[in-house]
Amino acid sequence: MKYYIIAGEASGDLHGSNLMKAIYQEDASADIRFWGGDLMQGVGGTLVKHYRDLAFMGFVEVVLNLKTILNNIKICKADILNFQPDVIIYIDYPGFNMRIAEWAKKLGYQNHYYISPQIWAWKEGRIKAIKRDVDYMYVILPFEKDFYEKKHQFPVTFVGHPLIDAIAGRSKKSLETFKAENELDDKPIIALLPGSRKQEIAKMLSIMLSVVDDFKEYQFVIAGAPSQDFAFYQQFLTTQNVKFISNKTYDLLSVAHAALVTSGTATLETALFKVPQVVCYKGSWISYQIAKRIITLKFISLVNLIMDKEVVKELIQEDLNSKNLKIELNKIIQGESRIQILEEYNLLEQKLGGTGASKKTAQLICSKFQ
C-alpha cells in the first residue's frame, strides 16, 4: 500500500518515525513518501522536503514567509498527484496540513489525522473543516476525546501519547558514560532546551544563559536541535560553565537534575523524564499581542494543560527575565517544590495512558484497507 505522510516540525518527525516503524510492521510492502526530518528518513521511505524548510513560528513570521509556504503547498499537491497514495496521514502542523486535506478530500483521497490540531487552544472554528475533510482522527491527549465527541459530535480515537513509546524504546546510558562521552564534569546538570526553530532559539537562549553565573555549583548543557548547526548557537555562548550537545536531547534529559524549557512538546518530554522544569516562552511583541487575544487557555505548557493546574512554573513574555528565572530555578533544584513536581509527574504519566500509541494508530490505518 502507498502512504503519504506530512510532518512539519521536529516533534512531528519523532512521532512520524515511530508511526512509520509501526506501519512497516503491519505492512511489509509499504511504500512511503513523506515530509519530515532525519528520524523519519532513518526509518526508510522517501523524503520529499525537510521540516527545517517548513517551520515558521508566530503570526508575523508566517506572513513574512507566506510566499515560501504557498510554494510548498503547491509542491506538496503536485507530489501527491504524482505518487497517488492510498492514504494521506497528517501529523499535527495544521496551517499547512488542513489546506492539503481540503484539497485531497475533494479529489477522493482518504485523510487520516494523527495528533490533532490544537483547536481546543485556538481556532476552534477549524472543527468545521475537520468534520468535512478528515476521515479518521487519532488523538493523543486524554481531554481531546471529550472535546471532539461531546462538544463537537465528531468521533475520534484516543491512542495514548507516542512520547511514552519514544522514551521507553530508547537505549539508556549511565550518567558516567554520558558525561565521559560529552566531556562534562561531575557537577549536577541543568539542561537548556531553547527550542528547534531559529526564531525561538534566538529569543530564549540568551535569557536562559543569563542565570548561569548564579549557579556555579551546576553545569549548564544546551540541547542542540538536529535542524540547526552549532555555528548558529555559537553567537550566544559568551559565558563559561556551558556545554553544547547536539541531537542528544533524550540522553541529556535522562541525566539532568533540572531544566529550563521552551514551551512546546519538550515540556512534556521533560516531565516524562521526571526532570523538574521552568517553562519559558517569549515571542515577538506583535505575535504575543495577537495570541493573547485569541487564545483563552489558562496555561501554555502541555504538563499544566493535561493536569488542569499549575504543576510547573510558566514564565511568559515580560515575566521571562533573569530575576524571575533565577528565583524559579532555585525552587526546583531542591526543596518542597521539587518534590511536589516529581509527584505530579507520576500522576501525569498515568493520565497519558500506556505504551503502544504508534502501533495502535498504524493498525487502525492499515485495517481500513484490509
Protein backbone atom coordinates (compact mmCIF):
# COMPACT_ATOMS: atom_id res chain seq x y z
CA MET A 1 0.00 0.00 0.00
CA LYS A 2 1.13 3.58 -0.65
CA TYR A 3 1.28 6.04 2.26
CA TYR A 4 1.91 9.79 2.11
CA ILE A 5 2.85 11.35 5.48
CA ILE A 6 3.18 15.08 6.22
CA ALA A 7 5.03 16.24 9.36
CA GLY A 8 6.27 19.83 9.56
CA GLU A 9 8.19 20.08 12.84
CA ALA A 10 10.77 18.27 14.99
CA SER A 11 8.11 16.64 17.20
CA GLY A 12 6.22 15.51 14.09
CA ASP A 13 9.42 13.95 12.77
CA LEU A 14 9.81 11.96 16.01
CA HIS A 15 6.22 10.72 16.06
CA GLY A 16 6.23 10.17 12.31
CA SER A 17 9.31 7.97 12.55
CA ASN A 18 7.70 5.74 15.17
CA LEU A 19 4.48 5.57 13.17
CA MET A 20 6.45 4.56 10.07
CA LYS A 21 8.18 1.75 12.01
CA ALA A 22 4.76 0.50 13.10
CA ILE A 23 3.35 0.74 9.55
CA TYR A 24 6.23 -1.33 8.19
CA GLN A 25 5.46 -3.97 10.84
CA GLU A 26 1.82 -4.06 9.74
CA ASP A 27 2.53 -3.77 6.01
CA ALA A 28 5.92 -5.13 4.98
CA SER A 29 5.47 -3.89 1.40
CA ALA A 30 4.51 -0.35 2.41
CA ASP A 31 5.65 2.38 0.02
CA ILE A 32 6.02 5.65 1.99
CA ARG A 33 6.73 9.19 0.81
CA PHE A 34 6.89 11.89 3.45
CA TRP A 35 7.59 15.41 4.56
CA GLY A 36 9.57 15.20 7.80
CA GLY A 37 13.13 15.02 9.03
CA ASP A 38 16.18 12.93 9.82
CA LEU A 39 14.37 10.49 12.13
CA MET A 40 11.76 9.61 9.53
CA GLN A 41 14.44 9.37 6.86
CA GLY A 42 16.33 6.93 9.08
CA VAL A 43 13.34 4.56 9.08
CA GLY A 44 13.01 4.35 5.31
CA GLY A 45 10.74 5.67 2.60
CA THR A 46 11.39 8.77 0.50
CA LEU A 47 11.87 12.25 1.97
CA VAL A 48 10.24 14.96 -0.15
CA LYS A 49 11.03 18.01 2.00
CA HIS A 50 12.75 18.51 5.36
CA TYR A 51 10.85 20.25 8.14
CA ARG A 52 13.69 22.76 8.59
CA ASP A 53 12.40 24.37 5.38
CA LEU A 54 8.82 24.48 6.66
CA ALA A 55 8.77 25.65 10.29
CA PHE A 56 7.85 29.29 10.86
CA MET A 57 6.90 30.43 14.38
CA GLY A 58 4.39 33.18 15.14
CA PHE A 59 1.84 35.21 13.19
CA VAL A 60 4.31 37.79 11.86
CA GLU A 61 6.84 35.16 10.79
CA VAL A 62 4.16 33.27 8.84
CA VAL A 63 3.13 36.44 6.99
CA LEU A 64 6.73 37.28 6.12
CA ASN A 65 7.26 33.77 4.72
CA LEU A 66 3.87 33.42 3.02
CA LYS A 67 5.36 33.08 -0.47
CA THR A 68 7.52 30.15 0.65
CA ILE A 69 4.60 28.49 2.43
CA LEU A 70 2.31 28.78 -0.61
CA ASN A 71 5.05 27.39 -2.85
CA ASN A 72 5.49 24.41 -0.50
CA ILE A 73 1.74 23.73 -0.67
CA LYS A 74 1.96 23.75 -4.48
CA ILE A 75 4.91 21.33 -4.40
CA CYS A 76 3.08 19.01 -1.99
CA LYS A 77 -0.07 18.84 -4.12
CA ALA A 78 1.93 18.06 -7.25
CA ASP A 79 3.89 15.35 -5.44
CA ILE A 80 0.72 13.70 -4.12
CA LEU A 81 -0.81 13.69 -7.60
CA ASN A 82 2.33 12.08 -8.98
CA PHE A 83 2.57 9.47 -6.18
CA GLN A 84 -1.16 8.62 -6.00
CA PRO A 85 -1.16 7.32 -2.40
CA ASP A 86 -3.85 5.06 -0.94
CA VAL A 87 -3.90 7.17 2.21
CA ILE A 88 -2.60 10.54 3.36
CA ILE A 89 -1.53 10.82 7.02
CA TYR A 90 -1.26 14.27 8.56
CA ILE A 91 0.78 14.79 11.74
CA ASP A 92 -0.19 17.99 13.61
CA TYR A 93 1.11 21.08 11.63
CA PRO A 94 -2.45 22.29 10.91
CA GLY A 95 -1.84 25.52 8.99
CA PHE A 96 -0.28 23.51 6.18
CA ASN A 97 -1.97 20.15 6.62
CA MET A 98 -5.56 21.38 6.72
CA ARG A 99 -5.05 23.11 3.37
CA ILE A 100 -3.78 19.89 1.83
CA ALA A 101 -6.58 17.87 3.47
CA GLU A 102 -9.28 20.10 1.98
CA TRP A 103 -7.78 19.74 -1.49
CA ALA A 104 -7.15 15.99 -1.12
CA LYS A 105 -10.67 15.25 0.13
CA LYS A 106 -12.18 16.84 -2.99
CA LEU A 107 -10.04 14.50 -5.10
CA GLY A 108 -11.20 11.43 -3.19
CA TYR A 109 -8.08 10.68 -1.14
CA GLN A 110 -8.58 9.12 2.30
CA ASN A 111 -7.40 11.52 5.03
CA HIS A 112 -6.13 10.27 8.39
CA TYR A 113 -5.04 12.81 11.02
CA TYR A 114 -2.60 11.64 13.71
CA ILE A 115 -2.03 14.13 16.55
CA SER A 116 -4.91 16.54 16.36
CA PRO A 117 -4.55 20.25 15.61
CA GLN A 118 -4.83 22.03 18.96
CA ILE A 119 -8.16 23.65 18.13
CA TRP A 120 -9.09 23.42 21.82
CA ALA A 121 -6.47 26.16 22.31
CA TRP A 122 -7.33 28.45 19.42
CA LYS A 123 -9.05 28.46 16.04
CA GLU A 124 -11.85 26.22 17.33
CA GLY A 125 -13.73 27.15 14.17
CA ARG A 126 -11.45 24.71 12.34
CA ILE A 127 -13.76 21.96 13.57
CA LYS A 128 -15.96 22.61 10.50
CA ALA A 129 -13.05 21.88 8.16
CA ILE A 130 -12.01 18.84 10.22
CA LYS A 131 -15.51 17.37 10.06
CA ARG A 132 -15.61 17.98 6.32
CA ASP A 133 -12.11 16.92 5.30
CA VAL A 134 -10.80 14.38 7.85
CA ASP A 135 -11.97 10.77 7.60
CA TYR A 136 -10.26 9.47 10.75
CA MET A 137 -8.72 11.34 13.70
CA TYR A 138 -6.32 9.82 16.26
CA VAL A 139 -5.82 11.97 19.36
CA ILE A 140 -3.02 11.71 21.93
CA LEU A 141 -4.21 13.87 24.84
CA PRO A 142 -6.88 12.45 27.18
CA PHE A 143 -9.08 15.56 27.22
CA GLU A 144 -9.24 15.75 23.41
CA LYS A 145 -11.66 12.84 23.10
CA ASP A 146 -14.33 14.63 25.14
CA PHE A 147 -13.61 17.88 23.35
CA TYR A 148 -14.29 16.37 19.92
CA GLU A 149 -17.02 13.90 20.76
CA LYS A 150 -19.04 15.64 23.48
CA LYS A 151 -18.60 19.23 22.39
CA HIS A 152 -18.47 18.81 18.61
CA GLN A 153 -20.02 15.38 17.90
CA PHE A 154 -17.01 14.26 15.87
CA PRO A 155 -15.82 10.69 16.58
CA VAL A 156 -12.10 10.29 17.33
CA THR A 157 -9.86 7.57 18.75
CA PHE A 158 -7.63 8.20 21.78
CA VAL A 159 -4.49 6.13 21.16
CA GLY A 160 -2.33 7.31 24.07
CA HIS A 161 0.69 9.56 23.83
CA PRO A 162 3.51 8.48 21.47
CA LEU A 163 6.16 10.13 23.65
CA ILE A 164 5.76 7.28 26.12
CA ASP A 165 6.81 4.85 23.38
CA ALA A 166 9.64 7.07 22.19
CA ILE A 167 11.09 7.36 25.68
CA ALA A 168 10.52 3.73 26.67
CA GLY A 169 12.13 2.49 23.46
CA ARG A 170 15.38 4.44 23.68
CA SER A 171 18.70 2.85 24.59
CA LYS A 172 19.80 4.10 28.01
CA LYS A 173 23.21 5.41 29.02
CA SER A 174 24.57 5.80 32.53
CA LEU A 175 25.35 9.24 33.91
CA GLU A 176 29.06 8.41 33.96
CA THR A 177 29.05 7.26 30.33
CA PHE A 178 27.14 10.32 29.16
CA LYS A 179 29.47 12.70 30.99
CA ALA A 180 32.56 10.96 29.67
CA GLU A 181 31.35 10.90 26.06
CA ASN A 182 30.47 14.60 26.13
CA GLU A 183 33.39 15.88 28.23
CA LEU A 184 31.22 17.01 31.12
CA ASP A 185 32.43 17.38 34.71
CA ASP A 186 30.91 15.95 37.90
CA LYS A 187 28.59 18.86 38.69
CA PRO A 188 24.81 18.25 38.50
CA ILE A 189 23.38 19.14 35.08
CA ILE A 190 20.84 21.83 34.28
CA ALA A 191 19.53 21.22 30.75
CA LEU A 192 18.63 24.15 28.50
CA LEU A 193 16.04 23.38 25.81
CA PRO A 194 15.64 26.62 23.80
CA GLY A 195 13.54 25.07 21.01
CA SER A 196 14.22 23.92 17.47
CA ARG A 197 13.45 26.99 15.33
CA LYS A 198 15.94 29.80 14.87
CA GLN A 199 13.41 32.44 15.91
CA GLU A 200 12.68 30.84 19.26
CA ILE A 201 16.29 29.88 19.99
CA ALA A 202 17.36 33.48 19.39
CA LYS A 203 14.73 34.74 21.84
CA MET A 204 15.11 32.08 24.53
CA LEU A 205 18.75 31.11 24.80
CA SER A 206 20.22 34.46 25.83
CA ILE A 207 17.72 34.74 28.68
CA MET A 208 18.34 31.17 29.80
CA LEU A 209 22.10 31.74 29.80
CA SER A 210 21.75 34.94 31.82
CA VAL A 211 21.42 32.94 35.08
CA VAL A 212 24.43 30.66 34.57
CA ASP A 213 26.79 32.67 36.78
CA ASP A 214 24.29 32.46 39.67
CA PHE A 215 24.53 28.66 39.77
CA LYS A 216 28.25 27.91 39.72
CA GLU A 217 27.77 24.57 41.51
CA TYR A 218 25.87 23.28 38.44
CA GLN A 219 26.87 22.83 34.80
CA PHE A 220 24.53 24.02 32.08
CA VAL A 221 24.14 21.98 28.90
CA ILE A 222 22.35 23.25 25.79
CA ALA A 223 20.28 20.67 23.90
CA GLY A 224 21.09 21.49 20.28
CA ALA A 225 18.31 20.80 17.78
CA PRO A 226 19.20 18.44 14.90
CA SER A 227 17.85 21.02 12.45
CA GLN A 228 20.39 23.70 13.49
CA ASP A 229 24.16 23.86 13.14
CA PHE A 230 26.49 24.61 16.04
CA ALA A 231 27.54 27.84 14.29
CA PHE A 232 24.10 29.31 14.96
CA TYR A 233 24.35 28.63 18.69
CA GLN A 234 27.93 29.86 18.95
CA GLN A 235 26.91 33.55 18.93
CA PHE A 236 25.14 33.04 22.27
CA LEU A 237 27.95 31.20 24.05
CA THR A 238 29.63 34.09 25.83
CA THR A 239 29.87 32.60 29.31
CA GLN A 240 31.77 29.78 30.98
CA ASN A 241 30.22 26.69 32.58
CA VAL A 242 28.08 26.00 29.50
CA LYS A 243 28.39 23.00 27.20
CA PHE A 244 26.64 22.27 23.90
CA ILE A 245 25.41 18.83 22.85
CA SER A 246 23.60 18.36 19.55
CA ASN A 247 20.83 15.86 18.80
CA LYS A 248 21.03 14.06 22.16
CA THR A 249 18.10 15.65 24.00
CA TYR A 250 16.75 12.40 25.46
CA ASP A 251 20.17 11.32 26.70
CA LEU A 252 20.58 14.76 28.27
CA LEU A 253 17.17 14.71 29.96
CA SER A 254 17.80 11.23 31.31
CA VAL A 255 20.70 12.59 33.42
CA ALA A 256 19.57 16.19 34.09
CA HIS A 257 18.83 17.49 37.58
CA ALA A 258 16.60 20.34 36.35
CA ALA A 259 15.74 22.09 33.08
CA LEU A 260 14.74 25.40 31.51
CA VAL A 261 12.43 24.53 28.64
CA THR A 262 10.81 26.47 25.80
CA SER A 263 7.05 25.87 25.71
CA GLY A 264 6.04 23.06 23.37
CA THR A 265 6.32 19.27 23.20
CA ALA A 266 9.63 19.50 25.08
CA THR A 267 7.79 20.38 28.30
CA LEU A 268 6.01 17.02 28.20
CA GLU A 269 9.20 15.17 27.27
CA THR A 270 10.97 16.75 30.22
CA ALA A 271 8.14 15.72 32.55
CA LEU A 272 8.19 12.11 31.33
CA PHE A 273 11.92 12.01 32.11
CA LYS A 274 10.99 13.21 35.62
CA VAL A 275 13.07 16.39 35.40
CA PRO A 276 11.73 19.44 37.31
CA GLN A 277 11.47 22.36 34.92
CA VAL A 278 10.68 26.02 34.39
CA VAL A 279 8.68 26.63 31.20
CA CYS A 280 9.77 29.62 29.12
CA TYR A 281 8.06 31.49 26.31
CA LYS A 282 8.78 34.77 24.55
CA GLY A 283 7.53 35.67 21.08
CA SER A 284 7.68 38.85 19.05
CA TRP A 285 5.62 41.66 20.61
CA ILE A 286 3.06 41.65 17.80
CA SER A 287 2.69 37.86 17.75
CA TYR A 288 2.23 37.79 21.52
CA GLN A 289 -0.39 40.54 21.49
CA ILE A 290 -2.36 38.69 18.82
CA ALA A 291 -2.06 35.34 20.62
CA LYS A 292 -3.12 36.85 23.96
CA ARG A 293 -6.39 37.99 22.41
CA ILE A 294 -7.38 34.76 20.69
CA ILE A 295 -6.02 32.03 22.99
CA THR A 296 -8.15 31.53 26.08
CA LEU A 297 -6.24 28.70 27.79
CA LYS A 298 -5.19 29.01 31.42
CA PHE A 299 -1.75 27.51 30.66
CA ILE A 300 0.67 27.19 27.74
CA SER A 301 2.57 24.04 28.72
CA LEU A 302 1.21 20.59 27.98
CA VAL A 303 2.08 19.46 31.51
CA ASN A 304 -0.23 22.03 33.11
CA LEU A 305 -2.91 21.66 30.45
CA ILE A 306 -3.18 17.90 30.92
CA MET A 307 -3.18 18.17 34.72
CA ASP A 308 -5.50 21.21 34.58
CA LYS A 309 -3.44 23.03 37.22
CA GLU A 310 -0.04 24.65 37.65
CA VAL A 311 2.41 21.81 38.11
CA VAL A 312 5.37 23.64 36.58
CA LYS A 313 6.01 27.39 36.58
CA GLU A 314 5.41 29.21 33.30
CA LEU A 315 7.35 32.43 32.63
CA ILE A 316 5.73 34.16 29.67
CA GLN A 317 6.81 37.25 27.72
CA GLU A 318 7.77 40.08 30.16
CA ASP A 319 7.78 37.63 33.08
CA LEU A 320 10.60 35.74 31.38
CA ASN A 321 13.59 37.65 32.72
CA SER A 322 16.79 36.89 34.61
CA LYS A 323 15.39 37.77 38.02
CA ASN A 324 12.32 35.52 37.76
CA LEU A 325 14.26 32.72 36.10
CA LYS A 326 16.78 32.69 38.94
CA ILE A 327 14.00 32.58 41.57
CA GLU A 328 12.12 29.73 39.88
CA LEU A 329 15.22 27.69 39.11
CA ASN A 330 16.26 27.90 42.76
CA LYS A 331 12.87 26.47 43.76
CA ILE A 332 13.16 23.35 41.60
CA ILE A 333 16.75 22.33 42.22
CA GLN A 334 15.98 21.47 45.84
CA GLY A 335 13.24 21.60 48.47
CA GLU A 336 9.47 21.13 48.61
CA SER A 337 8.67 22.47 45.12
CA ARG A 338 10.95 19.87 43.55
CA ILE A 339 9.31 17.02 45.47
CA GLN A 340 5.81 18.20 44.56
CA ILE A 341 6.63 18.43 40.86
CA LEU A 342 8.03 14.90 40.79
CA GLU A 343 4.89 13.55 42.50
CA GLU A 344 2.66 15.30 39.95
CA TYR A 345 4.74 13.90 37.08
CA ASN A 346 3.81 10.36 38.17
CA LEU A 347 0.10 11.24 38.01
CA LEU A 348 0.62 12.87 34.62
CA GLU A 349 2.09 9.71 33.14
CA GLN A 350 -0.88 7.67 34.36
CA LYS A 351 -3.28 10.10 32.65
CA LEU A 352 -1.50 9.72 29.32
CA GLY A 353 -2.27 6.01 29.06
CA GLY A 354 0.15 3.20 28.40
CA THR A 355 2.56 2.41 25.62
CA GLY A 356 1.60 1.49 22.07
CA ALA A 357 0.24 4.72 20.51
CA SER A 358 2.17 4.28 17.26
CA LYS A 359 1.25 0.60 16.95
CA LYS A 360 -2.44 1.25 17.64
CA THR A 361 -2.54 4.04 15.07
CA ALA A 362 -0.77 2.00 12.40
CA GLN A 363 -3.13 -0.93 12.98
CA LEU A 364 -6.17 1.33 12.72
CA ILE A 365 -4.92 2.92 9.49
CA CYS A 366 -3.99 -0.38 7.87
CA SER A 367 -7.24 -2.05 8.96
CA LYS A 368 -9.21 0.39 6.80
CA PHE A 369 -7.73 -1.25 3.70
CA GLN A 370 -7.99 -4.95 4.62
